Amino acid sequence: MKGYNLARLTIALVVLLFCGLMLQTNHTVSAQTSAQFPDLDKNGKPLIPRPNPFLMYSPADLNHNAVTLPATTGTTPPTNIVPTGGATALTYFVNCTQPAKVTINVYTADDIAKPQPLNPAPGTGYTLFGSYDLVTANSIAAGPQQIYIGTELAPTATSGTLNLSIRLPQAAVSFQEAQTGATQGTCTSRLAVKYN
């Protein structure tokens, strides 16, 4: 009888060790992340998970604080490039002293093996894909305005005539303004990017 109990105890111990090993393996495998590097915000921190779903870009972050809005055919310089690979929505806050049109510049990163690790400064290493007029010429009123761009809904604006439906996701974006009026003005902008 002693040999029988010892055999049962040995089998139970082997089964218990096997189950423990399987649980540890399952835990280790499920804890591993993908080989893809996460998008980084303007401070170099991973974007997801975030306690606050919005990342705010100030005029200083965008390098778009009281920039000159030339008269007639000129455009403002584009804002700094903002990575938006994991974004689900964004709102562009623009305040121009003259009626203007707003253009979005869309960028790709397909030609870069691993954009974020090789280019730790967000916004560097992107290739311009195309520029699209979001709001038509001189139709966005002077003063503070907002333009919303999402993943499923068509863009909306608090003022002006929307020209096209551009949606997220995009690898990165920047914005610029133009006017056809005879009086020079200035533009200041901010950007709110939503990640979940």
C-alpha atoms as a PDB file:
ATOM      1  CA  MET A   1       0.000   0.000   0.000  1.00  0.00           C
ATOM      2  CA  LYS A   2       2.934   2.334   0.697  1.00  0.00           C
ATOM      3  CA  GLY A   3       4.225   1.975  -2.846  1.00  0.00           C
ATOM      4  CA  TYR A   4       0.767   2.704  -4.249  1.00  0.00           C
ATOM      5  CA  ASN A   5       0.447   5.982  -2.230  1.00  0.00           C
ATOM      6  CA  LEU A   6       3.968   7.020  -3.190  1.00  0.00           C
ATOM      7  CA  ALA A   7       3.147   6.470  -6.895  1.00  0.00           C
ATOM      8  CA  ARG A   8      -0.082   8.522  -6.582  1.00  0.00           C
ATOM      9  CA  LEU A   9       1.783  11.265  -4.747  1.00  0.00           C
ATOM     10  CA  THR A  10       4.506  11.334  -7.429  1.00  0.00           C
ATOM     11  CA  ILE A  11       1.932  11.492 -10.246  1.00  0.00           C
ATOM     12  CA  ALA A  12       0.014  14.272  -8.436  1.00  0.00           C
ATOM     13  CA  LEU A  13       3.264  16.218  -7.980  1.00  0.00           C
ATOM     14  CA  VAL A  14       4.180  15.814 -11.680  1.00  0.00           C
ATOM     15  CA  VAL A  15       0.687  16.951 -12.757  1.00  0.00           C
ATOM     16  CA  LEU A  16       0.864  19.920 -10.386  1.00  0.00           C
ATOM     17  CA  LEU A  17       4.303  20.932 -11.694  1.00  0.00           C
ATOM     18  CA  PHE A  18       3.090  20.564 -15.289  1.00  0.00           C
ATOM     19  CA  CYS A  19       0.024  22.761 -14.611  1.00  0.00           C
ATOM     20  CA  GLY A  20       2.186  25.358 -12.890  1.00  0.00           C
ATOM     21  CA  LEU A  21       4.598  25.360 -15.822  1.00  0.00           C
ATOM     22  CA  MET A  22       1.721  25.769 -18.296  1.00  0.00           C
ATOM     23  CA  LEU A  23       0.267  28.677 -16.307  1.00  0.00           C
ATOM     24  CA  GLN A  24       3.670  30.385 -16.149  1.00  0.00           C
ATOM     25  CA  THR A  25       4.205  29.880 -19.903  1.00  0.00           C
ATOM     26  CA  ASN A  26       0.728  31.238 -20.674  1.00  0.00           C
ATOM     27  CA  HIS A  27       1.344  34.272 -18.444  1.00  0.00           C
ATOM     28  CA  THR A  28       4.742  34.949 -20.037  1.00  0.00           C
ATOM     29  CA  VAL A  29       3.443  34.633 -23.596  1.00  0.00           C
ATOM     30  CA  SER A  30       0.433  36.871 -22.967  1.00  0.00           C
ATOM     31  CA  ALA A  31       2.608  39.501 -21.266  1.00  0.00           C
ATOM     32  CA  GLN A  32       4.846  39.975 -24.294  1.00  0.00           C
ATOM     33  CA  THR A  33       4.205  42.989 -26.476  1.00  0.00           C
ATOM     34  CA  SER A  34       4.470  43.208 -30.229  1.00  0.00           C
ATOM     35  CA  ALA A  35       7.736  44.016 -31.942  1.00  0.00           C
ATOM     36  CA  GLN A  36       6.223  47.259 -33.277  1.00  0.00           C
ATOM     37  CA  PHE A  37       7.415  50.353 -31.465  1.00  0.00           C
ATOM     38  CA  PRO A  38       4.657  52.546 -29.989  1.00  0.00           C
ATOM     39  CA  ASP A  39       3.970  56.041 -31.296  1.00  0.00           C
ATOM     40  CA  LEU A  40       5.558  58.680 -29.118  1.00  0.00           C
ATOM     41  CA  ASP A  41       4.048  61.983 -28.094  1.00  0.00           C
ATOM     42  CA  LYS A  42       5.743  65.380 -28.255  1.00  0.00           C
ATOM     43  CA  ASN A  43       7.603  64.570 -25.005  1.00  0.00           C
ATOM     44  CA  GLY A  44       8.856  61.184 -26.210  1.00  0.00           C
ATOM     45  CA  LYS A  45       6.422  59.168 -24.068  1.00  0.00           C
ATOM     46  CA  PRO A  46       4.428  56.220 -25.493  1.00  0.00           C
ATOM     47  CA  LEU A  47       0.950  57.270 -26.567  1.00  0.00           C
ATOM     48  CA  ILE A  48      -0.995  54.209 -25.423  1.00  0.00           C
ATOM     49  CA  PRO A  49      -2.131  53.569 -22.763  1.00  0.00           C
ATOM     50  CA  ARG A  50      -2.832  57.146 -21.666  1.00  0.00           C
ATOM     51  CA  PRO A  51      -4.801  58.201 -18.594  1.00  0.00           C
ATOM     52  CA  ASN A  52      -6.016  61.264 -20.500  1.00  0.00           C
ATOM     53  CA  PRO A  53      -7.217  60.493 -24.032  1.00  0.00           C
ATOM     54  CA  PHE A  54      -6.233  63.954 -25.333  1.00  0.00           C
ATOM     55  CA  LEU A  55      -2.792  65.268 -26.124  1.00  0.00           C
ATOM     56  CA  MET A  56      -2.796  69.055 -26.468  1.00  0.00           C
ATOM     57  CA  TYR A  57      -0.350  70.885 -28.743  1.00  0.00           C
ATOM     58  CA  SER A  58       0.142  74.555 -27.897  1.00  0.00           C
ATOM     59  CA  PRO A  59       1.030  77.305 -30.385  1.00  0.00           C
ATOM     60  CA  ALA A  60       4.651  76.910 -29.243  1.00  0.00           C
ATOM     61  CA  ASP A  61       4.520  73.124 -29.852  1.00  0.00           C
ATOM     62  CA  LEU A  62       3.122  73.724 -33.343  1.00  0.00           C
ATOM     63  CA  ASN A  63       5.457  76.684 -34.000  1.00  0.00           C
ATOM     64  CA  HIS A  64       2.336  78.556 -35.100  1.00  0.00           C
ATOM     65  CA  ASN A  65       1.926  81.542 -32.769  1.00  0.00           C
ATOM     66  CA  ALA A  66       0.910  84.819 -34.467  1.00  0.00           C
ATOM     67  CA  VAL A  67       2.509  83.723 -37.747  1.00  0.00           C
ATOM     68  CA  THR A  68       2.090  86.089 -40.675  1.00  0.00           C
ATOM     69  CA  LEU A  69      -0.879  85.453 -42.953  1.00  0.00           C
ATOM     70  CA  PRO A  70       0.292  87.168 -46.148  1.00  0.00           C
ATOM     71  CA  ALA A  71      -2.096  89.184 -48.288  1.00  0.00           C
ATOM     72  CA  THR A  72      -3.384  87.887 -51.652  1.00  0.00           C
ATOM     73  CA  THR A  73      -1.652  84.635 -52.669  1.00  0.00           C
ATOM     74  CA  GLY A  74       0.652  83.843 -49.732  1.00  0.00           C
ATOM     75  CA  THR A  75       0.313  81.093 -47.133  1.00  0.00           C
ATOM     76  CA  THR A  76       1.475  80.761 -43.574  1.00  0.00           C
ATOM     77  CA  PRO A  77       4.332  78.359 -42.944  1.00  0.00           C
ATOM     78  CA  PRO A  78       3.006  74.911 -42.007  1.00  0.00           C
ATOM     79  CA  THR A  79       2.688  73.956 -38.369  1.00  0.00           C
ATOM     80  CA  ASN A  80       5.165  71.463 -36.978  1.00  0.00           C
ATOM     81  CA  ILE A  81       4.404  67.900 -38.083  1.00  0.00           C
ATOM     82  CA  VAL A  82       2.320  66.001 -35.521  1.00  0.00           C
ATOM     83  CA  PRO A  83       2.380  62.158 -35.461  1.00  0.00           C
ATOM     84  CA  THR A  84      -1.225  60.914 -35.522  1.00  0.00           C
ATOM     85  CA  GLY A  85      -0.795  57.195 -36.247  1.00  0.00           C
ATOM     86  CA  GLY A  86      -2.910  56.006 -33.316  1.00  0.00           C
ATOM     87  CA  ALA A  87      -5.274  58.973 -33.175  1.00  0.00           C
ATOM     88  CA  THR A  88      -9.040  58.508 -33.365  1.00  0.00           C
ATOM     89  CA  ALA A  89      -9.926  62.210 -33.660  1.00  0.00           C
ATOM     90  CA  LEU A  90      -8.358  65.639 -33.710  1.00  0.00           C
ATOM     91  CA  THR A  91      -9.564  69.196 -33.370  1.00  0.00           C
ATOM     92  CA  TYR A  92      -7.615  72.043 -34.952  1.00  0.00           C
ATOM     93  CA  PHE A  93      -8.181  75.366 -33.176  1.00  0.00           C
ATOM     94  CA  VAL A  94      -7.267  78.268 -35.451  1.00  0.00           C
ATOM     95  CA  ASN A  95      -7.532  81.995 -34.796  1.00  0.00           C
ATOM     96  CA  CYS A  96      -6.760  84.250 -37.788  1.00  0.00           C
ATOM     97  CA  THR A  97      -7.242  87.996 -37.956  1.00  0.00           C
ATOM     98  CA  GLN A  98      -8.487  87.741 -41.571  1.00  0.00           C
ATOM     99  CA  PRO A  99     -10.869  85.286 -43.277  1.00  0.00           C
ATOM    100  CA  ALA A 100      -8.790  82.374 -44.606  1.00  0.00           C
ATOM    101  CA  LYS A 101      -8.735  78.850 -45.988  1.00  0.00           C
ATOM    102  CA  VAL A 102      -7.208  75.968 -44.038  1.00  0.00           C
ATOM    103  CA  THR A 103      -5.041  73.300 -45.667  1.00  0.00           C
ATOM    104  CA  ILE A 104      -4.065  69.961 -44.103  1.00  0.00           C
ATOM    105  CA  ASN A 105      -0.760  68.363 -45.105  1.00  0.00           C
ATOM    106  CA  VAL A 106      -0.721  64.561 -44.809  1.00  0.00           C
ATOM    107  CA  TYR A 107       2.548  62.647 -44.361  1.00  0.00           C
ATOM    108  CA  THR A 108       3.682  59.042 -44.732  1.00  0.00           C
ATOM    109  CA  ALA A 109       6.427  57.131 -42.964  1.00  0.00           C
ATOM    110  CA  ASP A 110       6.444  54.076 -45.237  1.00  0.00           C
ATOM    111  CA  ASP A 111      10.006  54.656 -46.398  1.00  0.00           C
ATOM    112  CA  ILE A 112      11.394  54.628 -42.841  1.00  0.00           C
ATOM    113  CA  ALA A 113      12.094  51.252 -41.243  1.00  0.00           C
ATOM    114  CA  LYS A 114      11.180  52.265 -37.694  1.00  0.00           C
ATOM    115  CA  PRO A 115      10.289  55.973 -37.610  1.00  0.00           C
ATOM    116  CA  GLN A 116      10.058  56.609 -33.893  1.00  0.00           C
ATOM    117  CA  PRO A 117      13.224  54.869 -32.588  1.00  0.00           C
ATOM    118  CA  LEU A 118      15.353  56.240 -35.438  1.00  0.00           C
ATOM    119  CA  ASN A 119      13.779  59.686 -35.198  1.00  0.00           C
ATOM    120  CA  PRO A 120      13.185  60.371 -31.513  1.00  0.00           C
ATOM    121  CA  ALA A 121      11.995  63.928 -32.206  1.00  0.00           C
ATOM    122  CA  PRO A 122       8.323  63.569 -33.174  1.00  0.00           C
ATOM    123  CA  GLY A 123       7.527  64.989 -36.568  1.00  0.00           C
ATOM    124  CA  THR A 124      10.884  64.241 -38.141  1.00  0.00           C
ATOM    125  CA  GLY A 125      11.452  61.713 -40.869  1.00  0.00           C
ATOM    126  CA  TYR A 126       8.037  61.966 -42.515  1.00  0.00           C
ATOM    127  CA  THR A 127       7.453  62.377 -46.254  1.00  0.00           C
ATOM    128  CA  LEU A 128       4.747  64.720 -47.547  1.00  0.00           C
ATOM    129  CA  PHE A 129       2.032  62.663 -49.244  1.00  0.00           C
ATOM    130  CA  GLY A 130      -0.382  65.452 -50.190  1.00  0.00           C
ATOM    131  CA  SER A 131      -1.964  68.774 -49.252  1.00  0.00           C
ATOM    132  CA  TYR A 132      -5.733  69.162 -49.134  1.00  0.00           C
ATOM    133  CA  ASP A 133      -7.855  72.288 -48.633  1.00  0.00           C
ATOM    134  CA  LEU A 134     -10.159  71.492 -45.711  1.00  0.00           C
ATOM    135  CA  VAL A 135     -11.956  74.838 -45.762  1.00  0.00           C
ATOM    136  CA  THR A 136     -12.234  76.757 -49.038  1.00  0.00           C
ATOM    137  CA  ALA A 137     -10.639  80.138 -49.722  1.00  0.00           C
ATOM    138  CA  ASN A 138     -11.574  82.949 -47.348  1.00  0.00           C
ATOM    139  CA  SER A 139     -14.568  81.034 -46.015  1.00  0.00           C
ATOM    140  CA  ILE A 140     -13.365  80.485 -42.454  1.00  0.00           C
ATOM    141  CA  ALA A 141     -14.265  83.626 -40.540  1.00  0.00           C
ATOM    142  CA  ALA A 142     -11.729  85.757 -38.722  1.00  0.00           C
ATOM    143  CA  GLY A 143     -11.500  84.920 -35.029  1.00  0.00           C
ATOM    144  CA  PRO A 144     -11.351  81.632 -33.141  1.00  0.00           C
ATOM    145  CA  GLN A 145     -12.636  78.623 -35.116  1.00  0.00           C
ATOM    146  CA  GLN A 146     -12.479  74.831 -34.751  1.00  0.00           C
ATOM    147  CA  ILE A 147     -12.121  72.067 -37.316  1.00  0.00           C
ATOM    148  CA  TYR A 148     -12.851  68.476 -36.236  1.00  0.00           C
ATOM    149  CA  ILE A 149     -11.483  65.427 -38.050  1.00  0.00           C
ATOM    150  CA  GLY A 150     -12.370  61.882 -36.954  1.00  0.00           C
ATOM    151  CA  THR A 151     -12.135  58.268 -38.069  1.00  0.00           C
ATOM    152  CA  GLU A 152     -15.745  57.760 -39.124  1.00  0.00           C
ATOM    153  CA  LEU A 153     -17.485  61.128 -39.283  1.00  0.00           C
ATOM    154  CA  ALA A 154     -16.892  63.681 -42.012  1.00  0.00           C
ATOM    155  CA  PRO A 155     -14.936  66.745 -40.871  1.00  0.00           C
ATOM    156  CA  THR A 156     -16.908  69.601 -39.361  1.00  0.00           C
ATOM    157  CA  ALA A 157     -16.014  73.262 -38.849  1.00  0.00           C
ATOM    158  CA  THR A 158     -17.495  76.060 -36.758  1.00  0.00           C
ATOM    159  CA  SER A 159     -17.165  78.373 -39.762  1.00  0.00           C
ATOM    160  CA  GLY A 160     -16.507  78.142 -43.473  1.00  0.00           C
ATOM    161  CA  THR A 161     -17.282  75.837 -46.369  1.00  0.00           C
ATOM    162  CA  LEU A 162     -15.799  72.363 -46.035  1.00  0.00           C
ATOM    163  CA  ASN A 163     -14.068  71.287 -49.215  1.00  0.00           C
ATOM    164  CA  LEU A 164     -13.514  67.553 -48.758  1.00  0.00           C
ATOM    165  CA  SER A 165     -13.858  64.649 -46.368  1.00  0.00           C
ATOM    166  CA  ILE A 166     -10.504  63.592 -45.001  1.00  0.00           C
ATOM    167  CA  ARG A 167     -10.456  61.051 -42.175  1.00  0.00           C
ATOM    168  CA  LEU A 168      -8.058  59.455 -39.758  1.00  0.00           C
ATOM    169  CA  PRO A 169      -5.890  57.423 -39.500  1.00  0.00           C
ATOM    170  CA  GLN A 170      -3.014  59.365 -41.022  1.00  0.00           C
ATOM    171  CA  ALA A 171       0.661  58.810 -40.147  1.00  0.00           C
ATOM    172  CA  ALA A 172       1.213  62.509 -39.427  1.00  0.00           C
ATOM    173  CA  VAL A 173      -0.343  65.878 -40.259  1.00  0.00           C
ATOM    174  CA  SER A 174       0.389  69.595 -40.296  1.00  0.00           C
ATOM    175  CA  PHE A 175      -1.775  72.599 -41.133  1.00  0.00           C
ATOM    176  CA  GLN A 176      -1.410  75.964 -42.858  1.00  0.00           C
ATOM    177  CA  GLU A 177      -3.638  78.879 -43.763  1.00  0.00           C
ATOM    178  CA  ALA A 178      -3.942  81.147 -46.817  1.00  0.00           C
ATOM    179  CA  GLN A 179      -6.078  84.082 -47.916  1.00  0.00           C
ATOM    180  CA  THR A 180      -6.859  86.083 -51.033  1.00  0.00           C
ATOM    181  CA  GLY A 181      -7.669  89.341 -49.237  1.00  0.00           C
ATOM    182  CA  ALA A 182      -5.653  92.521 -49.619  1.00  0.00           C
ATOM    183  CA  THR A 183      -4.839  92.923 -45.911  1.00  0.00           C
ATOM    184  CA  GLN A 184      -2.087  90.983 -44.183  1.00  0.00           C
ATOM    185  CA  GLY A 185      -3.033  89.187 -40.968  1.00  0.00           C
ATOM    186  CA  THR A 186      -1.782  86.676 -38.415  1.00  0.00           C
ATOM    187  CA  CYS A 187      -2.811  83.159 -37.353  1.00  0.00           C
ATOM    188  CA  THR A 188      -2.353  81.236 -34.110  1.00  0.00           C
ATOM    189  CA  SER A 189      -3.316  77.604 -33.681  1.00  0.00           C
ATOM    190  CA  ARG A 190      -3.606  74.748 -31.219  1.00  0.00           C
ATOM    191  CA  LEU A 191      -4.323  71.070 -31.747  1.00  0.00           C
ATOM    192  CA  ALA A 192      -6.091  68.473 -29.596  1.00  0.00           C
ATOM    193  CA  VAL A 193      -5.385  64.861 -30.596  1.00  0.00           C
ATOM    194  CA  LYS A 194      -7.589  62.069 -29.160  1.00  0.00           C
ATOM    195  CA  TYR A 195      -6.138  58.587 -28.807  1.00  0.00           C
ATOM    196  CA  ASN A 196      -8.988  56.402 -27.485  1.00  0.00           C
END
